[in-house]
Amino acid sequence: MSEMNVLYDSPQFYMAEFSGSEGIELVDKSTGRGGYLEGDVAHKLRASLEHLFSDDPSVESVDEFLGHYEALLTNPIVLH
């Protein structure tokens, strides 16, 4: 069983990584859509987030940044 590490959680977005995986799960809570980002997209997202968080950003600015990835969030979130 892989462990989940929450990278970010706000009223609008949730982002997590799983041990043994290079990808990132990103969920837009307001639209109920999510996606699993991997490869170059995940690497670019990680690098951009490291740079963004080095400036102690507001939640609003992080959410605005993550909003640029909304087009990739195509899977509806289904609760069981």
C-alpha atoms as a PDB file:
ATOM      1  CA  MET A   1       0.000   0.000   0.000  1.00  0.00           C
ATOM      2  CA  SER A   2       1.446   3.370  -0.969  1.00  0.00           C
ATOM      3  CA  GLU A   3       1.414   6.341   1.361  1.00  0.00           C
ATOM      4  CA  MET A   4      -0.197   9.605   0.375  1.00  0.00           C
ATOM      5  CA  ASN A   5       1.554  12.899   1.077  1.00  0.00           C
ATOM      6  CA  VAL A   6      -0.695  15.972   0.925  1.00  0.00           C
ATOM      7  CA  LEU A   7       1.252  18.747  -0.798  1.00  0.00           C
ATOM      8  CA  TYR A   8      -1.438  21.428  -0.695  1.00  0.00           C
ATOM      9  CA  ASP A   9      -5.005  21.780   0.556  1.00  0.00           C
ATOM     10  CA  SER A  10      -7.162  24.896   0.282  1.00  0.00           C
ATOM     11  CA  PRO A  11     -10.883  25.525  -0.055  1.00  0.00           C
ATOM     12  CA  GLN A  12     -10.442  25.337  -3.859  1.00  0.00           C
ATOM     13  CA  PHE A  13      -7.621  22.854  -4.561  1.00  0.00           C
ATOM     14  CA  TYR A  14      -6.198  19.639  -3.165  1.00  0.00           C
ATOM     15  CA  MET A  15      -2.860  18.219  -4.296  1.00  0.00           C
ATOM     16  CA  ALA A  16      -1.166  14.992  -3.219  1.00  0.00           C
ATOM     17  CA  GLU A  17       1.618  12.629  -4.196  1.00  0.00           C
ATOM     18  CA  PHE A  18       1.882   8.919  -3.533  1.00  0.00           C
ATOM     19  CA  SER A  19       5.024   7.115  -2.385  1.00  0.00           C
ATOM     20  CA  GLY A  20       6.719   5.220  -5.166  1.00  0.00           C
ATOM     21  CA  SER A  21       5.156   7.454  -7.786  1.00  0.00           C
ATOM     22  CA  GLU A  22       6.482  10.450  -9.681  1.00  0.00           C
ATOM     23  CA  GLY A  23       3.018  11.868 -10.373  1.00  0.00           C
ATOM     24  CA  ILE A  24       0.790  14.358  -8.601  1.00  0.00           C
ATOM     25  CA  GLU A  25      -2.947  14.165  -8.075  1.00  0.00           C
ATOM     26  CA  LEU A  26      -4.608  17.576  -8.413  1.00  0.00           C
ATOM     27  CA  VAL A  27      -8.278  18.173  -7.586  1.00  0.00           C
ATOM     28  CA  ASP A  28     -10.327  21.314  -8.162  1.00  0.00           C
ATOM     29  CA  LYS A  29     -12.892  21.121  -5.379  1.00  0.00           C
ATOM     30  CA  SER A  30     -15.121  23.817  -6.889  1.00  0.00           C
ATOM     31  CA  THR A  31     -15.642  21.937 -10.168  1.00  0.00           C
ATOM     32  CA  GLY A  32     -15.423  18.409  -8.758  1.00  0.00           C
ATOM     33  CA  ARG A  33     -12.760  17.447 -11.303  1.00  0.00           C
ATOM     34  CA  GLY A  34      -9.298  16.045 -10.875  1.00  0.00           C
ATOM     35  CA  GLY A  35      -6.379  14.617 -12.717  1.00  0.00           C
ATOM     36  CA  TYR A  36      -3.192  12.673 -12.244  1.00  0.00           C
ATOM     37  CA  LEU A  37      -0.267  14.651 -13.601  1.00  0.00           C
ATOM     38  CA  GLU A  38       2.939  12.808 -14.448  1.00  0.00           C
ATOM     39  CA  GLY A  39       6.087  13.086 -16.513  1.00  0.00           C
ATOM     40  CA  ASP A  40       7.187  16.512 -17.691  1.00  0.00           C
ATOM     41  CA  VAL A  41       3.975  18.154 -16.478  1.00  0.00           C
ATOM     42  CA  ALA A  42       4.481  16.894 -12.914  1.00  0.00           C
ATOM     43  CA  HIS A  43       8.158  17.888 -12.936  1.00  0.00           C
ATOM     44  CA  LYS A  44       7.337  21.388 -14.174  1.00  0.00           C
ATOM     45  CA  LEU A  45       4.560  21.736 -11.578  1.00  0.00           C
ATOM     46  CA  ARG A  46       6.910  20.700  -8.755  1.00  0.00           C
ATOM     47  CA  ALA A  47       9.629  23.123  -9.872  1.00  0.00           C
ATOM     48  CA  SER A  48       7.148  25.970 -10.238  1.00  0.00           C
ATOM     49  CA  LEU A  49       5.657  25.262  -6.811  1.00  0.00           C
ATOM     50  CA  GLU A  50       9.099  25.227  -5.177  1.00  0.00           C
ATOM     51  CA  HIS A  51       9.760  28.653  -6.672  1.00  0.00           C
ATOM     52  CA  LEU A  52       6.302  29.941  -5.727  1.00  0.00           C
ATOM     53  CA  PHE A  53       6.517  28.714  -2.124  1.00  0.00           C
ATOM     54  CA  SER A  54       9.956  30.275  -1.652  1.00  0.00           C
ATOM     55  CA  ASP A  55       8.169  33.658  -1.527  1.00  0.00           C
ATOM     56  CA  ASP A  56       5.594  32.632   1.164  1.00  0.00           C
ATOM     57  CA  PRO A  57       2.594  33.119  -1.145  1.00  0.00           C
ATOM     58  CA  SER A  58      -1.013  33.686  -0.155  1.00  0.00           C
ATOM     59  CA  VAL A  59      -3.581  30.923  -0.622  1.00  0.00           C
ATOM     60  CA  GLU A  60      -5.181  33.034  -3.338  1.00  0.00           C
ATOM     61  CA  SER A  61      -1.959  33.268  -5.337  1.00  0.00           C
ATOM     62  CA  VAL A  62      -1.324  29.513  -5.102  1.00  0.00           C
ATOM     63  CA  ASP A  63      -4.912  28.789  -6.141  1.00  0.00           C
ATOM     64  CA  GLU A  64      -4.560  31.208  -9.055  1.00  0.00           C
ATOM     65  CA  PHE A  65      -1.373  29.419 -10.136  1.00  0.00           C
ATOM     66  CA  LEU A  66      -3.009  25.981  -9.890  1.00  0.00           C
ATOM     67  CA  GLY A  67      -5.931  27.287 -11.923  1.00  0.00           C
ATOM     68  CA  HIS A  68      -3.631  27.229 -14.951  1.00  0.00           C
ATOM     69  CA  TYR A  69      -3.775  23.413 -14.774  1.00  0.00           C
ATOM     70  CA  GLU A  70      -7.603  23.196 -14.845  1.00  0.00           C
ATOM     71  CA  ALA A  71      -7.704  22.109 -18.498  1.00  0.00           C
ATOM     72  CA  LEU A  72      -5.892  18.905 -17.471  1.00  0.00           C
ATOM     73  CA  LEU A  73      -8.426  18.059 -14.752  1.00  0.00           C
ATOM     74  CA  THR A  74     -10.874  15.988 -16.752  1.00  0.00           C
ATOM     75  CA  ASN A  75     -11.876  13.216 -14.338  1.00  0.00           C
ATOM     76  CA  PRO A  76     -15.030  13.777 -12.304  1.00  0.00           C
ATOM     77  CA  ILE A  77     -14.592  13.191  -8.589  1.00  0.00           C
ATOM     78  CA  VAL A  78     -16.920  10.421  -7.450  1.00  0.00           C
ATOM     79  CA  LEU A  79     -17.587   9.657  -3.802  1.00  0.00           C
ATOM     80  CA  HIS A  80     -18.216   6.051  -2.830  1.00  0.00           C
END
